């Protein structure tokens, strides 16, 4: 069973991730914030169609209905 995250949550997570990178680079936020960004970005990359295709998880998805 696939778990789908709402697009609004993804946009908020992406915005927080970018803000975290900028804050970390400006030495405003601690290293733990950078770790959050690395993890979030990894999840986002993992769920892309390209990576899912590499892992063989997109087979037959074009014919399925939501």
PDB file of N, CA and C in Angstrom:
ATOM      1  N   UNK A   1       0.837  -1.169   0.000  1.00  0.00           N
ATOM      2  CA  UNK A   1       0.000   0.000   0.000  1.00  0.00           C
ATOM      3  C   UNK A   1       0.891   1.244   0.000  1.00  0.00           C
ATOM      4  N   UNK A   2       0.628   2.152  -0.930  1.00  0.00           N
ATOM      5  CA  UNK A   2       1.426   3.369  -1.048  1.00  0.00           C
ATOM      6  C   UNK A   2       0.886   4.443  -0.119  1.00  0.00           C
ATOM      7  N   UNK A   3       1.789   5.228   0.417  1.00  0.00           N
ATOM      8  CA  UNK A   3       1.414   6.338   1.290  1.00  0.00           C
ATOM      9  C   UNK A   3       1.635   7.621   0.494  1.00  0.00           C
ATOM     10  N   UNK A   4       0.566   8.401   0.312  1.00  0.00           N
ATOM     11  CA  UNK A   4       0.661   9.641  -0.451  1.00  0.00           C
ATOM     12  C   UNK A   4       0.615  10.831   0.493  1.00  0.00           C
ATOM     13  N   UNK A   5       1.541  11.762   0.290  1.00  0.00           N
ATOM     14  CA  UNK A   5       1.603  12.969   1.097  1.00  0.00           C
ATOM     15  C   UNK A   5       0.946  14.095   0.309  1.00  0.00           C
ATOM     16  N   UNK A   6       0.103  14.878   0.972  1.00  0.00           N
ATOM     17  CA  UNK A   6      -0.589  15.994   0.356  1.00  0.00           C
ATOM     18  C   UNK A   6       0.419  16.964  -0.262  1.00  0.00           C
ATOM     19  N   UNK A   7       0.093  17.521  -1.425  1.00  0.00           N
ATOM     20  CA  UNK A   7       0.998  18.446  -2.112  1.00  0.00           C
ATOM     21  C   UNK A   7       1.305  19.667  -1.256  1.00  0.00           C
ATOM     22  N   UNK A   8       0.327  20.146  -0.482  1.00  0.00           N
ATOM     23  CA  UNK A   8       0.556  21.293   0.390  1.00  0.00           C
ATOM     24  C   UNK A   8       1.631  21.011   1.414  1.00  0.00           C
ATOM     25  N   UNK A   9       1.631  19.800   1.954  1.00  0.00           N
ATOM     26  CA  UNK A   9       2.646  19.412   2.932  1.00  0.00           C
ATOM     27  C   UNK A   9       4.019  19.373   2.271  1.00  0.00           C
ATOM     28  N   UNK A  10       4.060  18.893   1.037  1.00  0.00           N
ATOM     29  CA  UNK A  10       5.328  18.838   0.309  1.00  0.00           C
ATOM     30  C   UNK A  10       5.872  20.240   0.057  1.00  0.00           C
ATOM     31  N   UNK A  11       4.997  21.171  -0.334  1.00  0.00           N
ATOM     32  CA  UNK A  11       5.433  22.541  -0.609  1.00  0.00           C
ATOM     33  C   UNK A  11       5.958  23.188   0.668  1.00  0.00           C
ATOM     34  N   UNK A  12       5.248  22.996   1.775  1.00  0.00           N
ATOM     35  CA  UNK A  12       5.707  23.547   3.051  1.00  0.00           C
ATOM     36  C   UNK A  12       7.050  22.938   3.447  1.00  0.00           C
ATOM     37  N   UNK A  13       7.176  21.625   3.291  1.00  0.00           N
ATOM     38  CA  UNK A  13       8.442  20.953   3.605  1.00  0.00           C
ATOM     39  C   UNK A  13       9.582  21.455   2.747  1.00  0.00           C
ATOM     40  N   UNK A  14       9.301  21.669   1.449  1.00  0.00           N
ATOM     41  CA  UNK A  14      10.333  22.185   0.552  1.00  0.00           C
ATOM     42  C   UNK A  14      10.743  23.601   0.951  1.00  0.00           C
ATOM     43  N   UNK A  15       9.767  24.443   1.294  1.00  0.00           N
ATOM     44  CA  UNK A  15      10.063  25.814   1.706  1.00  0.00           C
ATOM     45  C   UNK A  15      10.900  25.822   2.992  1.00  0.00           C
ATOM     46  N   UNK A  16      10.517  24.970   3.949  1.00  0.00           N
ATOM     47  CA  UNK A  16      11.289  24.881   5.191  1.00  0.00           C
ATOM     48  C   UNK A  16      12.700  24.367   4.923  1.00  0.00           C
ATOM     49  N   UNK A  17      12.809  23.446   3.986  1.00  0.00           N
ATOM     50  CA  UNK A  17      14.115  22.901   3.638  1.00  0.00           C
ATOM     51  C   UNK A  17      15.020  23.990   3.065  1.00  0.00           C
ATOM     52  N   UNK A  18      14.484  24.797   2.172  1.00  0.00           N
ATOM     53  CA  UNK A  18      15.263  25.887   1.576  1.00  0.00           C
ATOM     54  C   UNK A  18      15.646  26.909   2.644  1.00  0.00           C
ATOM     55  N   UNK A  19      14.681  27.262   3.504  1.00  0.00           N
ATOM     56  CA  UNK A  19      14.965  28.213   4.582  1.00  0.00           C
ATOM     57  C   UNK A  19      16.034  27.663   5.518  1.00  0.00           C
ATOM     58  N   UNK A  20      15.991  26.363   5.744  1.00  0.00           N
ATOM     59  CA  UNK A  20      16.985  25.729   6.608  1.00  0.00           C
ATOM     60  C   UNK A  20      18.378  25.806   5.997  1.00  0.00           C
ATOM     61  N   UNK A  21      18.468  25.557   4.704  1.00  0.00           N
ATOM     62  CA  UNK A  21      19.767  25.648   4.021  1.00  0.00           C
ATOM     63  C   UNK A  21      20.316  27.066   4.131  1.00  0.00           C
ATOM     64  N   UNK A  22      19.471  28.042   3.840  1.00  0.00           N
ATOM     65  CA  UNK A  22      19.929  29.437   3.901  1.00  0.00           C
ATOM     66  C   UNK A  22      20.335  29.812   5.326  1.00  0.00           C
ATOM     67  N   UNK A  23      19.541  29.401   6.300  1.00  0.00           N
ATOM     68  CA  UNK A  23      19.861  29.690   7.692  1.00  0.00           C
ATOM     69  C   UNK A  23      21.146  29.023   8.140  1.00  0.00           C
ATOM     70  N   UNK A  24      21.344  27.798   7.702  1.00  0.00           N
ATOM     71  CA  UNK A  24      22.559  27.076   8.063  1.00  0.00           C
ATOM     72  C   UNK A  24      23.787  27.725   7.423  1.00  0.00           C
ATOM     73  N   UNK A  25      23.651  28.094   6.159  1.00  0.00           N
ATOM     74  CA  UNK A  25      24.767  28.752   5.484  1.00  0.00           C
ATOM     75  C   UNK A  25      25.098  30.092   6.134  1.00  0.00           C
ATOM     76  N   UNK A  26      24.095  30.767   6.665  1.00  0.00           N
ATOM     77  CA  UNK A  26      24.318  32.046   7.336  1.00  0.00           C
ATOM     78  C   UNK A  26      24.702  31.839   8.800  1.00  0.00           C
ATOM     79  N   UNK A  27      24.837  30.603   9.216  1.00  0.00           N
ATOM     80  CA  UNK A  27      25.203  30.202  10.571  1.00  0.00           C
ATOM     81  C   UNK A  27      24.204  30.702  11.611  1.00  0.00           C
ATOM     82  N   UNK A  28      22.920  30.726  11.202  1.00  0.00           N
ATOM     83  CA  UNK A  28      21.852  31.118  12.114  1.00  0.00           C
ATOM     84  C   UNK A  28      21.275  29.881  12.804  1.00  0.00           C
ATOM     85  N   UNK A  29      21.207  28.805  12.072  1.00  0.00           N
ATOM     86  CA  UNK A  29      20.613  27.581  12.598  1.00  0.00           C
ATOM     87  C   UNK A  29      21.686  26.537  12.895  1.00  0.00           C
ATOM     88  N   UNK A  30      21.431  25.658  13.828  1.00  0.00           N
ATOM     89  CA  UNK A  30      22.412  24.626  14.170  1.00  0.00           C
ATOM     90  C   UNK A  30      22.501  23.524  13.106  1.00  0.00           C
ATOM     91  N   UNK A  31      23.481  22.696  13.258  1.00  0.00           N
ATOM     92  CA  UNK A  31      23.720  21.610  12.299  1.00  0.00           C
ATOM     93  C   UNK A  31      22.547  20.634  12.229  1.00  0.00           C
ATOM     94  N   UNK A  32      21.769  20.510  13.301  1.00  0.00           N
ATOM     95  CA  UNK A  32      20.629  19.592  13.278  1.00  0.00           C
ATOM     96  C   UNK A  32      19.621  20.012  12.218  1.00  0.00           C
ATOM     97  N   UNK A  33      19.519  21.311  11.975  1.00  0.00           N
ATOM     98  CA  UNK A  33      18.625  21.804  10.933  1.00  0.00           C
ATOM     99  C   UNK A  33      19.124  21.352   9.558  1.00  0.00           C
ATOM    100  N   UNK A  34      20.425  21.349   9.372  1.00  0.00           N
ATOM    101  CA  UNK A  34      20.989  20.881   8.105  1.00  0.00           C
ATOM    102  C   UNK A  34      20.690  19.400   7.913  1.00  0.00           C
ATOM    103  N   UNK A  35      20.740  18.641   8.990  1.00  0.00           N
ATOM    104  CA  UNK A  35      20.418  17.220   8.911  1.00  0.00           C
ATOM    105  C   UNK A  35      18.970  17.022   8.463  1.00  0.00           C
ATOM    106  N   UNK A  36      18.043  17.819   9.011  1.00  0.00           N
ATOM    107  CA  UNK A  36      16.642  17.751   8.578  1.00  0.00           C
ATOM    108  C   UNK A  36      16.546  17.981   7.075  1.00  0.00           C
ATOM    109  N   UNK A  37      17.260  18.979   6.590  1.00  0.00           N
ATOM    110  CA  UNK A  37      17.222  19.305   5.171  1.00  0.00           C
ATOM    111  C   UNK A  37      17.739  18.159   4.314  1.00  0.00           C
ATOM    112  N   UNK A  38      18.816  17.543   4.732  1.00  0.00           N
ATOM    113  CA  UNK A  38      19.378  16.418   3.989  1.00  0.00           C
ATOM    114  C   UNK A  38      18.379  15.264   3.932  1.00  0.00           C
ATOM    115  N   UNK A  39      17.745  14.971   5.054  1.00  0.00           N
ATOM    116  CA  UNK A  39      16.762  13.877   5.102  1.00  0.00           C
ATOM    117  C   UNK A  39      15.562  14.199   4.224  1.00  0.00           C
ATOM    118  N   UNK A  40      15.019  15.425   4.342  1.00  0.00           N
ATOM    119  CA  UNK A  40      13.833  15.812   3.560  1.00  0.00           C
ATOM    120  C   UNK A  40      14.148  15.757   2.067  1.00  0.00           C
ATOM    121  N   UNK A  41      15.286  16.300   1.682  1.00  0.00           N
ATOM    122  CA  UNK A  41      15.660  16.301   0.273  1.00  0.00           C
ATOM    123  C   UNK A  41      15.854  14.871  -0.234  1.00  0.00           C
ATOM    124  N   UNK A  42      16.402  14.014   0.591  1.00  0.00           N
ATOM    125  CA  UNK A  42      16.547  12.605   0.215  1.00  0.00           C
ATOM    126  C   UNK A  42      15.199  11.940  -0.042  1.00  0.00           C
ATOM    127  N   UNK A  43      14.220  12.222   0.831  1.00  0.00           N
ATOM    128  CA  UNK A  43      12.871  11.684   0.616  1.00  0.00           C
ATOM    129  C   UNK A  43      12.280  12.197  -0.685  1.00  0.00           C
ATOM    130  N   UNK A  44      12.446  13.484  -0.945  1.00  0.00           N
ATOM    131  CA  UNK A  44      11.890  14.087  -2.164  1.00  0.00           C
ATOM    132  C   UNK A  44      12.540  13.481  -3.411  1.00  0.00           C
ATOM    133  N   UNK A  45      13.845  13.275  -3.374  1.00  0.00           N
ATOM    134  CA  UNK A  45      14.534  12.677  -4.511  1.00  0.00           C
ATOM    135  C   UNK A  45      14.087  11.230  -4.685  1.00  0.00           C
ATOM    136  N   UNK A  46      13.949  10.501  -3.585  1.00  0.00           N
ATOM    137  CA  UNK A  46      13.535   9.096  -3.629  1.00  0.00           C
ATOM    138  C   UNK A  46      12.171   8.935  -4.286  1.00  0.00           C
ATOM    139  N   UNK A  47      11.260   9.870  -4.063  1.00  0.00           N
ATOM    140  CA  UNK A  47       9.908   9.715  -4.586  1.00  0.00           C
ATOM    141  C   UNK A  47       9.739  10.209  -6.023  1.00  0.00           C
ATOM    142  N   UNK A  48      10.803  10.707  -6.645  1.00  0.00           N
ATOM    143  CA  UNK A  48      10.695  11.148  -8.030  1.00  0.00           C
ATOM    144  C   UNK A  48      10.437   9.959  -8.947  1.00  0.00           C
ATOM    145  N   UNK A  49       9.809  10.244 -10.083  1.00  0.00           N
ATOM    146  CA  UNK A  49       9.503   9.184 -11.050  1.00  0.00           C
ATOM    147  C   UNK A  49      10.782   8.514 -11.546  1.00  0.00           C
ATOM    148  N   UNK A  50      11.849   9.298 -11.704  1.00  0.00           N
ATOM    149  CA  UNK A  50      13.108   8.743 -12.195  1.00  0.00           C
ATOM    150  C   UNK A  50      13.657   7.688 -11.245  1.00  0.00           C
ATOM    151  N   UNK A  51      13.767   8.030  -9.972  1.00  0.00           N
ATOM    152  CA  UNK A  51      14.314   7.088  -8.992  1.00  0.00           C
ATOM    153  C   UNK A  51      13.382   5.894  -8.835  1.00  0.00           C
ATOM    154  N   UNK A  52      12.082   6.136  -8.807  1.00  0.00           N
ATOM    155  CA  UNK A  52      11.132   5.044  -8.679  1.00  0.00           C
ATOM    156  C   UNK A  52      11.242   4.106  -9.890  1.00  0.00           C
ATOM    157  N   UNK A  53      11.508   4.681 -11.068  1.00  0.00           N
ATOM    158  CA  UNK A  53      11.725   3.866 -12.265  1.00  0.00           C
ATOM    159  C   UNK A  53      12.978   3.019 -12.140  1.00  0.00           C
ATOM    160  N   UNK A  54      14.042   3.611 -11.607  1.00  0.00           N
ATOM    161  CA  UNK A  54      15.292   2.869 -11.401  1.00  0.00           C
ATOM    162  C   UNK A  54      15.072   1.703 -10.454  1.00  0.00           C
ATOM    163  N   UNK A  55      14.197   1.892  -9.479  1.00  0.00           N
ATOM    164  CA  UNK A  55      13.930   0.843  -8.496  1.00  0.00           C
ATOM    165  C   UNK A  55      12.865  -0.142  -8.968  1.00  0.00           C
ATOM    166  N   UNK A  56      12.325   0.098 -10.166  1.00  0.00           N
ATOM    167  CA  UNK A  56      11.324  -0.800 -10.719  1.00  0.00           C
ATOM    168  C   UNK A  56       9.964  -0.674 -10.051  1.00  0.00           C
ATOM    169  N   UNK A  57       9.669   0.463  -9.476  1.00  0.00           N
ATOM    170  CA  UNK A  57       8.403   0.631  -8.771  1.00  0.00           C
ATOM    171  C   UNK A  57       7.351   1.339  -9.608  1.00  0.00           C
ATOM    172  N   UNK A  58       7.668   1.718 -10.837  1.00  0.00           N
ATOM    173  CA  UNK A  58       6.710   2.410 -11.700  1.00  0.00           C
ATOM    174  C   UNK A  58       6.081   1.481 -12.732  1.00  0.00           C
ATOM    175  N   UNK A  59       6.429   0.215 -12.712  1.00  0.00           N
ATOM    176  CA  UNK A  59       5.916  -0.710 -13.716  1.00  0.00           C
ATOM    177  C   UNK A  59       4.405  -0.812 -13.606  1.00  0.00           C
ATOM    178  N   UNK A  60       3.717  -0.526 -14.720  1.00  0.00           N
ATOM    179  CA  UNK A  60       2.267  -0.665 -14.746  1.00  0.00           C
ATOM    180  C   UNK A  60       1.527   0.495 -14.114  1.00  0.00           C
ATOM    181  N   UNK A  61       2.201   1.526 -13.684  1.00  0.00           N
ATOM    182  CA  UNK A  61       1.538   2.648 -13.018  1.00  0.00           C
ATOM    183  C   UNK A  61       0.719   3.466 -14.023  1.00  0.00           C
ATOM    184  N   UNK A  62       1.106   3.505 -15.287  1.00  0.00           N
ATOM    185  CA  UNK A  62       0.397   4.316 -16.266  1.00  0.00           C
ATOM    186  C   UNK A  62      -1.018   3.833 -16.510  1.00  0.00           C
ATOM    187  N   UNK A  63      -1.269   2.568 -16.290  1.00  0.00           N
ATOM    188  CA  UNK A  63      -2.581   2.001 -16.546  1.00  0.00           C
ATOM    189  C   UNK A  63      -3.485   1.988 -15.322  1.00  0.00           C
ATOM    190  N   UNK A  64      -2.952   2.308 -14.163  1.00  0.00           N
ATOM    191  CA  UNK A  64      -3.737   2.265 -12.930  1.00  0.00           C
ATOM    192  C   UNK A  64      -4.521   3.546 -12.754  1.00  0.00           C
ATOM    193  N   UNK A  65      -5.666   3.436 -12.097  1.00  0.00           N
ATOM    194  CA  UNK A  65      -6.490   4.594 -11.770  1.00  0.00           C
ATOM    195  C   UNK A  65      -6.407   4.828 -10.275  1.00  0.00           C
ATOM    196  N   UNK A  66      -6.521   6.140  -9.872  1.00  0.00           N
ATOM    197  CA  UNK A  66      -6.493   6.467  -8.442  1.00  0.00           C
ATOM    198  C   UNK A  66      -7.750   6.041  -7.755  1.00  0.00           C
TER     199      UNK A  66
END
